[in-house]
Amino acid sequence: MWKKWNHAKDHPFFNKVDMNRISLIGHSRGGEAVAIAVLYNQLPSSSENGNITFDYHFGIRSIISIAGTDVNINLRDN
């Protein structure tokens, strides 16, 4: 969505977002989600179905997890 807004000339965020310097912030389950998002950003494909390829490569520079939960999701091969 941010990429779309950054490129839409009629949007208030037009040319205002640096997609190479992204910070993710979350609280509680959102705190866990930002850590998972970083892992998904690095994965070449889905851990559940290798036929689903990813090409995210967002420029995530930092994450802030405030009282994040830990449900132990496993995105890496064992």
N, C-alpha and C. Protein backbone atom coordinates (compact mmCIF):
# COMPACT_ATOMS: atom_id res chain seq x y z
N MET A 1 0.81 -1.18 0.00
CA MET A 1 0.00 0.00 0.00
C MET A 1 0.87 1.26 0.00
N TRP A 2 1.93 1.26 0.82
CA TRP A 2 2.80 2.44 0.88
C TRP A 2 3.46 2.71 -0.47
N LYS A 3 3.88 1.66 -1.17
CA LYS A 3 4.46 1.86 -2.50
C LYS A 3 3.47 2.54 -3.42
N LYS A 4 2.23 2.07 -3.37
CA LYS A 4 1.18 2.63 -4.21
C LYS A 4 0.96 4.11 -3.87
N TRP A 5 0.84 4.41 -2.58
CA TRP A 5 0.64 5.80 -2.17
C TRP A 5 1.81 6.67 -2.57
N ASN A 6 3.02 6.17 -2.43
CA ASN A 6 4.22 6.94 -2.76
C ASN A 6 4.30 7.28 -4.24
N HIS A 7 3.68 6.45 -5.09
CA HIS A 7 3.73 6.69 -6.53
C HIS A 7 2.47 7.35 -7.10
N ALA A 8 1.45 7.54 -6.27
CA ALA A 8 0.19 8.15 -6.74
C ALA A 8 0.28 9.67 -6.62
N LYS A 9 0.30 10.35 -7.75
CA LYS A 9 0.48 11.81 -7.75
C LYS A 9 -0.59 12.55 -6.97
N ASP A 10 -1.79 11.97 -6.86
CA ASP A 10 -2.88 12.65 -6.16
C ASP A 10 -2.95 12.29 -4.67
N HIS A 11 -2.00 11.51 -4.18
CA HIS A 11 -2.02 11.09 -2.77
C HIS A 11 -1.11 11.99 -1.94
N PRO A 12 -1.51 12.29 -0.68
CA PRO A 12 -0.67 13.14 0.18
C PRO A 12 0.74 12.60 0.44
N PHE A 13 0.94 11.27 0.32
CA PHE A 13 2.26 10.68 0.55
C PHE A 13 3.08 10.55 -0.73
N PHE A 14 2.64 11.16 -1.82
CA PHE A 14 3.38 11.10 -3.09
C PHE A 14 4.82 11.58 -2.91
N ASN A 15 5.77 10.73 -3.27
CA ASN A 15 7.21 11.01 -3.17
C ASN A 15 7.67 11.41 -1.76
N LYS A 16 6.97 10.93 -0.74
CA LYS A 16 7.33 11.27 0.64
C LYS A 16 7.88 10.07 1.42
N VAL A 17 7.81 8.88 0.83
CA VAL A 17 8.19 7.66 1.55
C VAL A 17 9.48 7.09 0.97
N ASP A 18 10.46 6.86 1.84
CA ASP A 18 11.71 6.23 1.42
C ASP A 18 11.58 4.73 1.69
N MET A 19 11.28 3.96 0.65
CA MET A 19 11.04 2.53 0.79
C MET A 19 12.32 1.75 1.12
N ASN A 20 13.46 2.43 1.16
CA ASN A 20 14.72 1.78 1.54
C ASN A 20 15.06 1.99 3.01
N ARG A 21 14.22 2.73 3.73
CA ARG A 21 14.46 3.02 5.14
C ARG A 21 13.16 2.84 5.92
N ILE A 22 12.77 1.59 6.10
CA ILE A 22 11.50 1.27 6.74
C ILE A 22 11.73 0.80 8.16
N SER A 23 10.89 1.30 9.08
CA SER A 23 10.85 0.81 10.45
C SER A 23 9.47 0.21 10.69
N LEU A 24 9.43 -0.90 11.37
CA LEU A 24 8.17 -1.54 11.74
C LEU A 24 8.03 -1.49 13.25
N ILE A 25 6.84 -1.12 13.72
CA ILE A 25 6.58 -1.00 15.15
C ILE A 25 5.30 -1.76 15.47
N GLY A 26 5.33 -2.55 16.54
CA GLY A 26 4.13 -3.27 16.94
C GLY A 26 4.10 -3.52 18.43
N HIS A 27 2.89 -3.63 18.96
CA HIS A 27 2.69 -3.90 20.38
C HIS A 27 1.95 -5.22 20.53
N SER A 28 2.36 -6.02 21.51
CA SER A 28 1.74 -7.30 21.82
C SER A 28 1.82 -8.24 20.62
N ARG A 29 0.69 -8.68 20.07
CA ARG A 29 0.74 -9.56 18.89
C ARG A 29 1.37 -8.83 17.70
N GLY A 30 1.18 -7.52 17.63
CA GLY A 30 1.83 -6.73 16.59
C GLY A 30 3.34 -6.69 16.76
N GLY A 31 3.79 -6.75 18.02
CA GLY A 31 5.22 -6.83 18.29
C GLY A 31 5.83 -8.11 17.77
N GLU A 32 5.08 -9.20 17.90
CA GLU A 32 5.52 -10.47 17.32
C GLU A 32 5.45 -10.40 15.80
N ALA A 33 4.40 -9.76 15.29
CA ALA A 33 4.20 -9.68 13.84
C ALA A 33 5.33 -8.94 13.13
N VAL A 34 5.89 -7.89 13.75
CA VAL A 34 6.97 -7.17 13.08
C VAL A 34 8.21 -8.04 12.94
N ALA A 35 8.47 -8.89 13.95
CA ALA A 35 9.60 -9.81 13.85
C ALA A 35 9.36 -10.84 12.76
N ILE A 36 8.14 -11.34 12.65
CA ILE A 36 7.79 -12.30 11.61
C ILE A 36 7.87 -11.64 10.24
N ALA A 37 7.45 -10.38 10.14
CA ALA A 37 7.50 -9.66 8.87
C ALA A 37 8.93 -9.57 8.34
N VAL A 38 9.89 -9.36 9.23
CA VAL A 38 11.29 -9.30 8.82
C VAL A 38 11.72 -10.64 8.23
N LEU A 39 11.30 -11.73 8.84
CA LEU A 39 11.64 -13.06 8.32
C LEU A 39 10.99 -13.30 6.96
N TYR A 40 9.70 -12.96 6.84
CA TYR A 40 9.03 -13.11 5.55
C TYR A 40 9.71 -12.27 4.47
N ASN A 41 10.20 -11.11 4.84
CA ASN A 41 10.88 -10.23 3.90
C ASN A 41 12.14 -10.87 3.33
N GLN A 42 12.74 -11.81 4.08
CA GLN A 42 13.98 -12.47 3.65
C GLN A 42 13.75 -13.80 2.96
N LEU A 43 12.55 -14.38 3.11
CA LEU A 43 12.29 -15.70 2.53
C LEU A 43 12.11 -15.64 1.02
N PRO A 44 12.67 -16.61 0.29
CA PRO A 44 12.48 -16.67 -1.15
C PRO A 44 11.13 -17.27 -1.54
N SER A 45 10.55 -18.07 -0.61
CA SER A 45 9.27 -18.72 -0.90
C SER A 45 8.56 -19.06 0.41
N SER A 46 7.31 -19.47 0.29
CA SER A 46 6.51 -19.84 1.45
C SER A 46 7.11 -21.06 2.14
N SER A 47 7.13 -21.04 3.46
CA SER A 47 7.63 -22.20 4.21
C SER A 47 6.63 -23.35 4.17
N GLU A 48 5.38 -23.06 3.84
CA GLU A 48 4.35 -24.10 3.76
C GLU A 48 4.20 -24.66 2.36
N ASN A 49 4.50 -23.85 1.35
CA ASN A 49 4.38 -24.28 -0.04
C ASN A 49 5.47 -23.59 -0.85
N GLY A 50 6.53 -24.32 -1.17
CA GLY A 50 7.67 -23.76 -1.89
C GLY A 50 7.35 -23.26 -3.28
N ASN A 51 6.17 -23.61 -3.81
CA ASN A 51 5.75 -23.12 -5.12
C ASN A 51 5.27 -21.68 -5.07
N ILE A 52 5.00 -21.18 -3.87
CA ILE A 52 4.59 -19.79 -3.69
C ILE A 52 5.85 -18.98 -3.42
N THR A 53 6.31 -18.23 -4.40
CA THR A 53 7.54 -17.46 -4.25
C THR A 53 7.24 -16.05 -3.76
N PHE A 54 8.20 -15.51 -3.02
CA PHE A 54 8.11 -14.15 -2.49
C PHE A 54 9.15 -13.28 -3.17
N ASP A 55 8.83 -12.02 -3.32
CA ASP A 55 9.78 -11.05 -3.85
C ASP A 55 9.55 -9.73 -3.14
N TYR A 56 9.58 -9.76 -1.81
CA TYR A 56 9.28 -8.56 -1.04
C TYR A 56 10.46 -7.60 -1.05
N HIS A 57 11.55 -7.97 -0.42
CA HIS A 57 12.78 -7.18 -0.37
C HIS A 57 12.54 -5.72 0.02
N PHE A 58 11.69 -5.50 1.02
CA PHE A 58 11.51 -4.14 1.53
C PHE A 58 12.76 -3.73 2.28
N GLY A 59 13.05 -2.47 2.30
CA GLY A 59 14.24 -1.95 2.98
C GLY A 59 14.01 -1.77 4.47
N ILE A 60 13.71 -2.87 5.17
CA ILE A 60 13.46 -2.78 6.61
C ILE A 60 14.79 -2.58 7.33
N ARG A 61 14.90 -1.45 8.01
CA ARG A 61 16.13 -1.11 8.71
C ARG A 61 16.03 -1.36 10.21
N SER A 62 14.81 -1.28 10.75
CA SER A 62 14.66 -1.49 12.19
C SER A 62 13.27 -2.01 12.52
N ILE A 63 13.20 -2.71 13.65
CA ILE A 63 11.89 -3.11 14.17
C ILE A 63 11.85 -2.74 15.64
N ILE A 64 10.67 -2.40 16.09
CA ILE A 64 10.45 -2.10 17.50
C ILE A 64 9.28 -2.96 17.96
N SER A 65 9.55 -3.87 18.88
CA SER A 65 8.54 -4.75 19.43
C SER A 65 8.30 -4.34 20.87
N ILE A 66 7.09 -3.86 21.16
CA ILE A 66 6.74 -3.41 22.50
C ILE A 66 5.90 -4.50 23.17
N ALA A 67 6.45 -5.13 24.18
CA ALA A 67 5.77 -6.22 24.90
C ALA A 67 5.25 -7.26 23.92
N GLY A 68 6.12 -7.67 23.01
CA GLY A 68 5.72 -8.64 21.98
C GLY A 68 5.44 -10.02 22.55
N THR A 69 4.47 -10.70 21.95
CA THR A 69 4.16 -12.08 22.34
C THR A 69 5.12 -13.02 21.63
N ASP A 70 5.06 -14.30 21.99
CA ASP A 70 5.90 -15.31 21.35
C ASP A 70 5.08 -16.59 21.19
N VAL A 71 4.48 -16.76 20.02
CA VAL A 71 3.65 -17.93 19.75
C VAL A 71 4.46 -19.02 19.06
N ASN A 72 5.75 -18.77 18.86
CA ASN A 72 6.68 -19.75 18.30
C ASN A 72 6.35 -20.20 16.89
N ILE A 73 6.11 -19.29 15.99
CA ILE A 73 5.93 -19.63 14.58
C ILE A 73 7.29 -20.00 14.00
N ASN A 74 7.35 -21.01 13.17
CA ASN A 74 8.61 -21.46 12.58
C ASN A 74 8.60 -21.22 11.08
N LEU A 75 9.41 -20.26 10.63
CA LEU A 75 9.48 -19.93 9.21
C LEU A 75 10.72 -20.50 8.55
N ARG A 76 11.59 -21.09 9.30
CA ARG A 76 12.83 -21.62 8.76
C ARG A 76 12.73 -23.14 8.63
N ASP A 77 13.45 -23.68 7.66
CA ASP A 77 13.53 -25.14 7.54
C ASP A 77 14.27 -25.70 8.73
N ASN A 78 13.84 -26.86 9.21
CA ASN A 78 14.51 -27.50 10.35
C ASN A 78 15.72 -28.24 9.91
